[in-house]
Amino acid sequence: LDREQSFTQLAQQVRLTCLDAYINQDIPFDQVVSLLRPRRSD
């Protein structure tokens, strides 16, 4: 998020992110988690 951006700019950013996510949606999410190995807060 950017305080200076308009809602139109935000919506376009989200649109592109969603489209990219849809293209890369086939890999199981548990494999993404295993790949990233994120640190959990709890």
ModelCIF file with pLDDT and N, C-alpha, C, O atoms, coordinates in Angstrom:
data_MODEL
#
_entry.id   MODEL 
#
_entity.id                         1 
_entity.type                       polymer 
_entity.pdbx_number_of_molecules   1 
#
_entity_poly.entity_id                      1 
_entity_poly.type                           'polypeptide(L)' 
_entity_poly.nstd_linkage                   no 
_entity_poly.nstd_monomer                   no 
_entity_poly.pdbx_seq_one_letter_code       LDREQSFTQLAQQVRLTCLDAYINQDIPFDQVVSLLRPRRSD 
_entity_poly.pdbx_seq_one_letter_code_can   LDREQSFTQLAQQVRLTCLDAYINQDIPFDQVVSLLRPRRSD 
_entity_poly.pdbx_strand_id                 A 
#
loop_
_entity_poly_seq.entity_id 
_entity_poly_seq.num 
_entity_poly_seq.mon_id 
_entity_poly_seq.hetero 
1 1  LEU n 
1 2  ASP n 
1 3  ARG n 
1 4  GLU n 
1 5  GLN n 
1 6  SER n 
1 7  PHE n 
1 8  THR n 
1 9  GLN n 
1 10 LEU n 
1 11 ALA n 
1 12 GLN n 
1 13 GLN n 
1 14 VAL n 
1 15 ARG n 
1 16 LEU n 
1 17 THR n 
1 18 CYS n 
1 19 LEU n 
1 20 ASP n 
1 21 ALA n 
1 22 TYR n 
1 23 ILE n 
1 24 ASN n 
1 25 GLN n 
1 26 ASP n 
1 27 ILE n 
1 28 PRO n 
1 29 PHE n 
1 30 ASP n 
1 31 GLN n 
1 32 VAL n 
1 33 VAL n 
1 34 SER n 
1 35 LEU n 
1 36 LEU n 
1 37 ARG n 
1 38 PRO n 
1 39 ARG n 
1 40 ARG n 
1 41 SER n 
1 42 ASP n 
#
_struct_asym.id          A 
_struct_asym.entity_id   1 
#
loop_
_ma_qa_metric.id 
_ma_qa_metric.mode 
_ma_qa_metric.name 
_ma_qa_metric.software_group_id 
_ma_qa_metric.type 
1 global pLDDT . pLDDT 
2 local  pLDDT . pLDDT 
#
_ma_qa_metric_global.metric_id      1 
_ma_qa_metric_global.metric_value   90.05 
_ma_qa_metric_global.model_id       1 
_ma_qa_metric_global.ordinal_id     1 
#
loop_
_ma_qa_metric_local.label_asym_id 
_ma_qa_metric_local.label_comp_id 
_ma_qa_metric_local.label_seq_id 
_ma_qa_metric_local.metric_id 
_ma_qa_metric_local.metric_value 
_ma_qa_metric_local.model_id 
_ma_qa_metric_local.ordinal_id 
A LEU 1  2 96.00 1 1  
A ASP 2  2 95.00 1 2  
A ARG 3  2 90.00 1 3  
A GLU 4  2 93.00 1 4  
A GLN 5  2 94.00 1 5  
A SER 6  2 96.00 1 6  
A PHE 7  2 96.00 1 7  
A THR 8  2 97.00 1 8  
A GLN 9  2 97.00 1 9  
A LEU 10 2 97.00 1 10 
A ALA 11 2 97.00 1 11 
A GLN 12 2 97.00 1 12 
A GLN 13 2 97.00 1 13 
A VAL 14 2 98.00 1 14 
A ARG 15 2 98.00 1 15 
A LEU 16 2 98.00 1 16 
A THR 17 2 97.00 1 17 
A CYS 18 2 97.00 1 18 
A LEU 19 2 96.00 1 19 
A ASP 20 2 97.00 1 20 
A ALA 21 2 96.00 1 21 
A TYR 22 2 94.00 1 22 
A ILE 23 2 92.00 1 23 
A ASN 24 2 93.00 1 24 
A GLN 25 2 90.00 1 25 
A ASP 26 2 87.00 1 26 
A ILE 27 2 89.00 1 27 
A PRO 28 2 88.00 1 28 
A PHE 29 2 90.00 1 29 
A ASP 30 2 88.00 1 30 
A GLN 31 2 88.00 1 31 
A VAL 32 2 90.00 1 32 
A VAL 33 2 91.00 1 33 
A SER 34 2 88.00 1 34 
A LEU 35 2 86.00 1 35 
A LEU 36 2 88.00 1 36 
A ARG 37 2 83.00 1 37 
A PRO 38 2 79.00 1 38 
A ARG 39 2 73.00 1 39 
A ARG 40 2 65.00 1 40 
A SER 41 2 61.00 1 41 
A ASP 42 2 60.00 1 42 
#
loop_
_atom_site.group_PDB 
_atom_site.id 
_atom_site.type_symbol 
_atom_site.label_atom_id 
_atom_site.label_alt_id 
_atom_site.label_comp_id 
_atom_site.label_asym_id 
_atom_site.label_entity_id 
_atom_site.label_seq_id 
_atom_site.pdbx_PDB_ins_code 
_atom_site.Cartn_x 
_atom_site.Cartn_y 
_atom_site.Cartn_z 
_atom_site.occupancy 
_atom_site.B_iso_or_equiv 
_atom_site.pdbx_formal_charge 
_atom_site.auth_seq_id 
_atom_site.auth_comp_id 
_atom_site.auth_asym_id 
_atom_site.auth_atom_id 
_atom_site.pdbx_PDB_model_num 
ATOM 1   N N  . LEU A 1 1  ? 0.827  -1.200  0.000   1.00 96.00 ? 1  LEU A N  1 
ATOM 2   C CA . LEU A 1 1  ? 0.000  0.000   0.000   1.00 96.00 ? 1  LEU A CA 1 
ATOM 3   C C  . LEU A 1 1  ? 0.863  1.252   0.000   1.00 96.00 ? 1  LEU A C  1 
ATOM 4   O O  . LEU A 1 1  ? 1.955  1.281   0.567   1.00 96.00 ? 1  LEU A O  1 
ATOM 5   N N  . ASP A 1 2  ? 0.347  2.272   -0.644  1.00 95.00 ? 2  ASP A N  1 
ATOM 6   C CA . ASP A 1 2  ? 1.040  3.560   -0.724  1.00 95.00 ? 2  ASP A CA 1 
ATOM 7   C C  . ASP A 1 2  ? 0.024  4.653   -0.426  1.00 95.00 ? 2  ASP A C  1 
ATOM 8   O O  . ASP A 1 2  ? -1.001 4.749   -1.100  1.00 95.00 ? 2  ASP A O  1 
ATOM 9   N N  . ARG A 1 3  ? 0.299  5.466   0.567   1.00 90.00 ? 3  ARG A N  1 
ATOM 10  C CA . ARG A 1 3  ? -0.638 6.511   0.957   1.00 90.00 ? 3  ARG A CA 1 
ATOM 11  C C  . ARG A 1 3  ? -0.920 7.505   -0.175  1.00 90.00 ? 3  ARG A C  1 
ATOM 12  O O  . ARG A 1 3  ? -1.955 8.170   -0.188  1.00 90.00 ? 3  ARG A O  1 
ATOM 13  N N  . GLU A 1 4  ? 0.000  7.591   -1.106  1.00 93.00 ? 4  GLU A N  1 
ATOM 14  C CA . GLU A 1 4  ? -0.157 8.568   -2.182  1.00 93.00 ? 4  GLU A CA 1 
ATOM 15  C C  . GLU A 1 4  ? -0.965 8.023   -3.365  1.00 93.00 ? 4  GLU A C  1 
ATOM 16  O O  . GLU A 1 4  ? -1.389 8.788   -4.231  1.00 93.00 ? 4  GLU A O  1 
ATOM 17  N N  . GLN A 1 5  ? -1.177 6.705   -3.403  1.00 94.00 ? 5  GLN A N  1 
ATOM 18  C CA . GLN A 1 5  ? -1.862 6.131   -4.562  1.00 94.00 ? 5  GLN A CA 1 
ATOM 19  C C  . GLN A 1 5  ? -3.372 6.269   -4.431  1.00 94.00 ? 5  GLN A C  1 
ATOM 20  O O  . GLN A 1 5  ? -3.914 6.297   -3.327  1.00 94.00 ? 5  GLN A O  1 
ATOM 21  N N  . SER A 1 6  ? -4.031 6.354   -5.560  1.00 96.00 ? 6  SER A N  1 
ATOM 22  C CA . SER A 1 6  ? -5.487 6.430   -5.584  1.00 96.00 ? 6  SER A CA 1 
ATOM 23  C C  . SER A 1 6  ? -6.062 5.023   -5.514  1.00 96.00 ? 6  SER A C  1 
ATOM 24  O O  . SER A 1 6  ? -5.331 4.041   -5.644  1.00 96.00 ? 6  SER A O  1 
ATOM 25  N N  . PHE A 1 7  ? -7.368 4.926   -5.309  1.00 96.00 ? 7  PHE A N  1 
ATOM 26  C CA . PHE A 1 7  ? -7.998 3.602   -5.291  1.00 96.00 ? 7  PHE A CA 1 
ATOM 27  C C  . PHE A 1 7  ? -7.883 2.943   -6.657  1.00 96.00 ? 7  PHE A C  1 
ATOM 28  O O  . PHE A 1 7  ? -7.733 1.725   -6.754  1.00 96.00 ? 7  PHE A O  1 
ATOM 29  N N  . THR A 1 8  ? -7.952 3.741   -7.702  1.00 97.00 ? 8  THR A N  1 
ATOM 30  C CA . THR A 1 8  ? -7.782 3.187   -9.055  1.00 97.00 ? 8  THR A CA 1 
ATOM 31  C C  . THR A 1 8  ? -6.428 2.515   -9.200  1.00 97.00 ? 8  THR A C  1 
ATOM 32  O O  . THR A 1 8  ? -6.339 1.417   -9.749  1.00 97.00 ? 8  THR A O  1 
ATOM 33  N N  . GLN A 1 9  ? -5.382 3.154   -8.721  1.00 97.00 ? 9  GLN A N  1 
ATOM 34  C CA . GLN A 1 9  ? -4.040 2.567   -8.798  1.00 97.00 ? 9  GLN A CA 1 
ATOM 35  C C  . GLN A 1 9  ? -3.942 1.309   -7.940  1.00 97.00 ? 9  GLN A C  1 
ATOM 36  O O  . GLN A 1 9  ? -3.321 0.326   -8.345  1.00 97.00 ? 9  GLN A O  1 
ATOM 37  N N  . LEU A 1 10 ? -4.551 1.337   -6.759  1.00 97.00 ? 10 LEU A N  1 
ATOM 38  C CA . LEU A 1 10 ? -4.548 0.156   -5.892  1.00 97.00 ? 10 LEU A CA 1 
ATOM 39  C C  . LEU A 1 10 ? -5.272 -1.007  -6.555  1.00 97.00 ? 10 LEU A C  1 
ATOM 40  O O  . LEU A 1 10 ? -4.781 -2.136  -6.542  1.00 97.00 ? 10 LEU A O  1 
ATOM 41  N N  . ALA A 1 11 ? -6.430 -0.736  -7.130  1.00 97.00 ? 11 ALA A N  1 
ATOM 42  C CA . ALA A 1 11 ? -7.208 -1.792  -7.781  1.00 97.00 ? 11 ALA A CA 1 
ATOM 43  C C  . ALA A 1 11 ? -6.437 -2.409  -8.944  1.00 97.00 ? 11 ALA A C  1 
ATOM 44  O O  . ALA A 1 11 ? -6.498 -3.620  -9.156  1.00 97.00 ? 11 ALA A O  1 
ATOM 45  N N  . GLN A 1 12 ? -5.712 -1.583  -9.697  1.00 97.00 ? 12 GLN A N  1 
ATOM 46  C CA . GLN A 1 12 ? -4.917 -2.098  -10.808 1.00 97.00 ? 12 GLN A CA 1 
ATOM 47  C C  . GLN A 1 12 ? -3.755 -2.949  -10.304 1.00 97.00 ? 12 GLN A C  1 
ATOM 48  O O  . GLN A 1 12 ? -3.406 -3.957  -10.918 1.00 97.00 ? 12 GLN A O  1 
ATOM 49  N N  . GLN A 1 13 ? -3.160 -2.541  -9.187  1.00 97.00 ? 13 GLN A N  1 
ATOM 50  C CA . GLN A 1 13 ? -2.080 -3.330  -8.593  1.00 97.00 ? 13 GLN A CA 1 
ATOM 51  C C  . GLN A 1 13 ? -2.603 -4.693  -8.138  1.00 97.00 ? 13 GLN A C  1 
ATOM 52  O O  . GLN A 1 13 ? -1.981 -5.722  -8.404  1.00 97.00 ? 13 GLN A O  1 
ATOM 53  N N  . VAL A 1 14 ? -3.734 -4.695  -7.461  1.00 98.00 ? 14 VAL A N  1 
ATOM 54  C CA . VAL A 1 14 ? -4.331 -5.948  -6.994  1.00 98.00 ? 14 VAL A CA 1 
ATOM 55  C C  . VAL A 1 14 ? -4.735 -6.819  -8.178  1.00 98.00 ? 14 VAL A C  1 
ATOM 56  O O  . VAL A 1 14 ? -4.593 -8.041  -8.136  1.00 98.00 ? 14 VAL A O  1 
ATOM 57  N N  . ARG A 1 15 ? -5.238 -6.186  -9.229  1.00 98.00 ? 15 ARG A N  1 
ATOM 58  C CA . ARG A 1 15 ? -5.630 -6.935  -10.424 1.00 98.00 ? 15 ARG A CA 1 
ATOM 59  C C  . ARG A 1 15 ? -4.436 -7.703  -11.004 1.00 98.00 ? 15 ARG A C  1 
ATOM 60  O O  . ARG A 1 15 ? -4.553 -8.893  -11.298 1.00 98.00 ? 15 ARG A O  1 
ATOM 61  N N  . LEU A 1 16 ? -3.311 -7.043  -11.166 1.00 98.00 ? 16 LEU A N  1 
ATOM 62  C CA . LEU A 1 16 ? -2.132 -7.687  -11.731 1.00 98.00 ? 16 LEU A CA 1 
ATOM 63  C C  . LEU A 1 16 ? -1.623 -8.797  -10.815 1.00 98.00 ? 16 LEU A C  1 
ATOM 64  O O  . LEU A 1 16 ? -1.217 -9.860  -11.285 1.00 98.00 ? 16 LEU A O  1 
ATOM 65  N N  . THR A 1 17 ? -1.646 -8.544  -9.501  1.00 97.00 ? 17 THR A N  1 
ATOM 66  C CA . THR A 1 17 ? -1.200 -9.564  -8.554  1.00 97.00 ? 17 THR A CA 1 
ATOM 67  C C  . THR A 1 17 ? -2.098 -10.790 -8.616  1.00 97.00 ? 17 THR A C  1 
ATOM 68  O O  . THR A 1 17 ? -1.610 -11.920 -8.603  1.00 97.00 ? 17 THR A O  1 
ATOM 69  N N  . CYS A 1 18 ? -3.401 -10.576 -8.682  1.00 97.00 ? 18 CYS A N  1 
ATOM 70  C CA . CYS A 1 18 ? -4.353 -11.688 -8.759  1.00 97.00 ? 18 CYS A CA 1 
ATOM 71  C C  . CYS A 1 18 ? -4.163 -12.488 -10.050 1.00 97.00 ? 18 CYS A C  1 
ATOM 72  O O  . CYS A 1 18 ? -4.166 -13.718 -10.025 1.00 97.00 ? 18 CYS A O  1 
ATOM 73  N N  . LEU A 1 19 ? -3.998 -11.796 -11.164 1.00 96.00 ? 19 LEU A N  1 
ATOM 74  C CA . LEU A 1 19 ? -3.813 -12.482 -12.439 1.00 96.00 ? 19 LEU A CA 1 
ATOM 75  C C  . LEU A 1 19 ? -2.547 -13.342 -12.423 1.00 96.00 ? 19 LEU A C  1 
ATOM 76  O O  . LEU A 1 19 ? -2.555 -14.472 -12.912 1.00 96.00 ? 19 LEU A O  1 
ATOM 77  N N  . ASP A 1 20 ? -1.465 -12.808 -11.865 1.00 97.00 ? 20 ASP A N  1 
ATOM 78  C CA . ASP A 1 20 ? -0.225 -13.590 -11.757 1.00 97.00 ? 20 ASP A CA 1 
ATOM 79  C C  . ASP A 1 20 ? -0.431 -14.792 -10.842 1.00 97.00 ? 20 ASP A C  1 
ATOM 80  O O  . ASP A 1 20 ? 0.068  -15.882 -11.121 1.00 97.00 ? 20 ASP A O  1 
ATOM 81  N N  . ALA A 1 21 ? -1.166 -14.593 -9.751  1.00 96.00 ? 21 ALA A N  1 
ATOM 82  C CA . ALA A 1 21 ? -1.429 -15.695 -8.824  1.00 96.00 ? 21 ALA A CA 1 
ATOM 83  C C  . ALA A 1 21 ? -2.257 -16.787 -9.498  1.00 96.00 ? 21 ALA A C  1 
ATOM 84  O O  . ALA A 1 21 ? -2.010 -17.974 -9.286  1.00 96.00 ? 21 ALA A O  1 
ATOM 85  N N  . TYR A 1 22 ? -3.232 -16.393 -10.303 1.00 94.00 ? 22 TYR A N  1 
ATOM 86  C CA . TYR A 1 22 ? -4.053 -17.381 -11.004 1.00 94.00 ? 22 TYR A CA 1 
ATOM 87  C C  . TYR A 1 22 ? -3.208 -18.217 -11.961 1.00 94.00 ? 22 TYR A C  1 
ATOM 88  O O  . TYR A 1 22 ? -3.401 -19.427 -12.076 1.00 94.00 ? 22 TYR A O  1 
ATOM 89  N N  . ILE A 1 23 ? -2.270 -17.561 -12.647 1.00 92.00 ? 23 ILE A N  1 
ATOM 90  C CA . ILE A 1 23 ? -1.407 -18.275 -13.585 1.00 92.00 ? 23 ILE A CA 1 
ATOM 91  C C  . ILE A 1 23 ? -0.547 -19.299 -12.850 1.00 92.00 ? 23 ILE A C  1 
ATOM 92  O O  . ILE A 1 23 ? -0.195 -20.340 -13.407 1.00 92.00 ? 23 ILE A O  1 
ATOM 93  N N  . ASN A 1 24 ? -0.213 -18.999 -11.603 1.00 93.00 ? 24 ASN A N  1 
ATOM 94  C CA . ASN A 1 24 ? 0.690  -19.861 -10.832 1.00 93.00 ? 24 ASN A CA 1 
ATOM 95  C C  . ASN A 1 24 ? -0.036 -20.574 -9.692  1.00 93.00 ? 24 ASN A C  1 
ATOM 96  O O  . ASN A 1 24 ? 0.538  -20.787 -8.624  1.00 93.00 ? 24 ASN A O  1 
ATOM 97  N N  . GLN A 1 25 ? -1.283 -20.936 -9.916  1.00 90.00 ? 25 GLN A N  1 
ATOM 98  C CA . GLN A 1 25 ? -2.102 -21.518 -8.859  1.00 90.00 ? 25 GLN A CA 1 
ATOM 99  C C  . GLN A 1 25 ? -2.029 -23.039 -8.777  1.00 90.00 ? 25 GLN A C  1 
ATOM 100 O O  . GLN A 1 25 ? -2.606 -23.618 -7.856  1.00 90.00 ? 25 GLN A O  1 
ATOM 101 N N  . ASP A 1 26 ? -1.355 -23.701 -9.691  1.00 87.00 ? 26 ASP A N  1 
ATOM 102 C CA . ASP A 1 26 ? -1.385 -25.165 -9.724  1.00 87.00 ? 26 ASP A CA 1 
ATOM 103 C C  . ASP A 1 26 ? -0.528 -25.821 -8.650  1.00 87.00 ? 26 ASP A C  1 
ATOM 104 O O  . ASP A 1 26 ? -0.877 -26.896 -8.164  1.00 87.00 ? 26 ASP A O  1 
ATOM 105 N N  . ILE A 1 27 ? 0.573  -25.207 -8.274  1.00 89.00 ? 27 ILE A N  1 
ATOM 106 C CA . ILE A 1 27 ? 1.444  -25.810 -7.274  1.00 89.00 ? 27 ILE A CA 1 
ATOM 107 C C  . ILE A 1 27 ? 0.712  -25.840 -5.925  1.00 89.00 ? 27 ILE A C  1 
ATOM 108 O O  . ILE A 1 27 ? 0.188  -24.814 -5.492  1.00 89.00 ? 27 ILE A O  1 
ATOM 109 N N  . PRO A 1 28 ? 0.670  -26.996 -5.256  1.00 88.00 ? 28 PRO A N  1 
ATOM 110 C CA . PRO A 1 28 ? -0.030 -27.078 -3.968  1.00 88.00 ? 28 PRO A CA 1 
ATOM 111 C C  . PRO A 1 28 ? 0.541  -26.083 -2.959  1.00 88.00 ? 28 PRO A C  1 
ATOM 112 O O  . PRO A 1 28 ? 1.753  -25.879 -2.889  1.00 88.00 ? 28 PRO A O  1 
ATOM 113 N N  . PHE A 1 29 ? -0.340 -25.473 -2.187  1.00 90.00 ? 29 PHE A N  1 
ATOM 114 C CA . PHE A 1 29 ? 0.086  -24.429 -1.259  1.00 90.00 ? 29 PHE A CA 1 
ATOM 115 C C  . PHE A 1 29 ? 1.029  -24.978 -0.193  1.00 90.00 ? 29 PHE A C  1 
ATOM 116 O O  . PHE A 1 29 ? 1.923  -24.263 0.260   1.00 90.00 ? 29 PHE A O  1 
ATOM 117 N N  . ASP A 1 30 ? 0.847  -26.234 0.217   1.00 88.00 ? 30 ASP A N  1 
ATOM 118 C CA . ASP A 1 30 ? 1.742  -26.785 1.235   1.00 88.00 ? 30 ASP A CA 1 
ATOM 119 C C  . ASP A 1 30 ? 3.176  -26.870 0.717   1.00 88.00 ? 30 ASP A C  1 
ATOM 120 O O  . ASP A 1 30 ? 4.130  -26.792 1.490   1.00 88.00 ? 30 ASP A O  1 
ATOM 121 N N  . GLN A 1 31 ? 3.318  -27.033 -0.609  1.00 88.00 ? 31 GLN A N  1 
ATOM 122 C CA . GLN A 1 31 ? 4.665  -27.043 -1.176  1.00 88.00 ? 31 GLN A CA 1 
ATOM 123 C C  . GLN A 1 31 ? 5.274  -25.638 -1.163  1.00 88.00 ? 31 GLN A C  1 
ATOM 124 O O  . GLN A 1 31 ? 6.481  -25.481 -0.979  1.00 88.00 ? 31 GLN A O  1 
ATOM 125 N N  . VAL A 1 32 ? 4.447  -24.636 -1.355  1.00 90.00 ? 32 VAL A N  1 
ATOM 126 C CA . VAL A 1 32 ? 4.927  -23.255 -1.281  1.00 90.00 ? 32 VAL A CA 1 
ATOM 127 C C  . VAL A 1 32 ? 5.425  -22.960 0.133   1.00 90.00 ? 32 VAL A C  1 
ATOM 128 O O  . VAL A 1 32 ? 6.479  -22.353 0.318   1.00 90.00 ? 32 VAL A O  1 
ATOM 129 N N  . VAL A 1 33 ? 4.650  -23.398 1.129   1.00 91.00 ? 33 VAL A N  1 
ATOM 130 C CA . VAL A 1 33 ? 5.038  -23.179 2.517   1.00 91.00 ? 33 VAL A CA 1 
ATOM 131 C C  . VAL A 1 33 ? 6.350  -23.894 2.828   1.00 91.00 ? 33 VAL A C  1 
ATOM 132 O O  . VAL A 1 33 ? 7.237  -23.327 3.466   1.00 91.00 ? 33 VAL A O  1 
ATOM 133 N N  . SER A 1 34 ? 6.468  -25.146 2.373   1.00 88.00 ? 34 SER A N  1 
ATOM 134 C CA . SER A 1 34 ? 7.702  -25.906 2.613   1.00 88.00 ? 34 SER A CA 1 
ATOM 135 C C  . SER A 1 34 ? 8.895  -25.248 1.939   1.00 88.00 ? 34 SER A C  1 
ATOM 136 O O  . SER A 1 34 ? 10.009 -25.279 2.461   1.00 88.00 ? 34 SER A O  1 
ATOM 137 N N  . LEU A 1 35 ? 8.656  -24.654 0.782   1.00 86.00 ? 35 LEU A N  1 
ATOM 138 C CA . LEU A 1 35 ? 9.726  -23.989 0.039   1.00 86.00 ? 35 LEU A CA 1 
ATOM 139 C C  . LEU A 1 35 ? 10.196 -22.730 0.761   1.00 86.00 ? 35 LEU A C  1 
ATOM 140 O O  . LEU A 1 35 ? 11.395 -22.460 0.833   1.00 86.00 ? 35 LEU A O  1 
ATOM 141 N N  . LEU A 1 36 ? 9.246  -21.960 1.296   1.00 88.00 ? 36 LEU A N  1 
ATOM 142 C CA . LEU A 1 36 ? 9.573  -20.682 1.928   1.00 88.00 ? 36 LEU A CA 1 
ATOM 143 C C  . LEU A 1 36 ? 10.104 -20.846 3.352   1.00 88.00 ? 36 LEU A C  1 
ATOM 144 O O  . LEU A 1 36 ? 10.947 -20.071 3.805   1.00 88.00 ? 36 LEU A O  1 
ATOM 145 N N  . ARG A 1 37 ? 9.601  -21.858 4.046   1.00 83.00 ? 37 ARG A N  1 
ATOM 146 C CA . ARG A 1 37 ? 9.968  -22.087 5.450   1.00 83.00 ? 37 ARG A CA 1 
ATOM 147 C C  . ARG A 1 37 ? 9.885  -20.802 6.280   1.00 83.00 ? 37 ARG A C  1 
ATOM 148 O O  . ARG A 1 37 ? 10.868 -20.393 6.897   1.00 83.00 ? 37 ARG A O  1 
ATOM 149 N N  . PRO A 1 38 ? 8.721  -20.177 6.293   1.00 79.00 ? 38 PRO A N  1 
ATOM 150 C CA . PRO A 1 38 ? 8.601  -18.903 7.024   1.00 79.00 ? 38 PRO A CA 1 
ATOM 151 C C  . PRO A 1 38 ? 8.671  -19.113 8.535   1.00 79.00 ? 38 PRO A C  1 
ATOM 152 O O  . PRO A 1 38 ? 8.282  -20.164 9.046   1.00 79.00 ? 38 PRO A O  1 
ATOM 153 N N  . ARG A 1 39 ? 9.162  -18.117 9.229   1.00 73.00 ? 39 ARG A N  1 
ATOM 154 C CA . ARG A 1 39 ? 9.199  -18.153 10.681  1.00 73.00 ? 39 ARG A CA 1 
ATOM 155 C C  . ARG A 1 39 ? 7.836  -17.739 11.211  1.00 73.00 ? 39 ARG A C  1 
ATOM 156 O O  . ARG A 1 39 ? 7.302  -16.701 10.819  1.00 73.00 ? 39 ARG A O  1 
ATOM 157 N N  . ARG A 1 40 ? 7.277  -18.540 12.096  1.00 65.00 ? 40 ARG A N  1 
ATOM 158 C CA . ARG A 1 40 ? 5.968  -18.246 12.664  1.00 65.00 ? 40 ARG A CA 1 
ATOM 159 C C  . ARG A 1 40 ? 6.128  -17.458 13.959  1.00 65.00 ? 40 ARG A C  1 
ATOM 160 O O  . ARG A 1 40 ? 7.044  -17.694 14.747  1.00 65.00 ? 40 ARG A O  1 
ATOM 161 N N  . SER A 1 41 ? 5.201  -16.509 14.154  1.00 61.00 ? 41 SER A N  1 
ATOM 162 C CA . SER A 1 41 ? 5.239  -15.732 15.390  1.00 61.00 ? 41 SER A CA 1 
ATOM 163 C C  . SER A 1 41 ? 4.823  -16.573 16.587  1.00 61.00 ? 41 SER A C  1 
ATOM 164 O O  . SER A 1 41 ? 5.237  -16.302 17.714  1.00 61.00 ? 41 SER A O  1 
ATOM 165 N N  . ASP A 1 42 ? 4.006  -17.594 16.345  1.00 60.00 ? 42 ASP A N  1 
ATOM 166 C CA . ASP A 1 42 ? 3.648  -18.544 17.388  1.00 60.00 ? 42 ASP A CA 1 
ATOM 167 C C  . ASP A 1 42 ? 3.218  -19.836 16.713  1.00 60.00 ? 42 ASP A C  1 
ATOM 168 O O  . ASP A 1 42 ? 2.865  -20.799 17.393  1.00 60.00 ? 42 ASP A O  1 
#
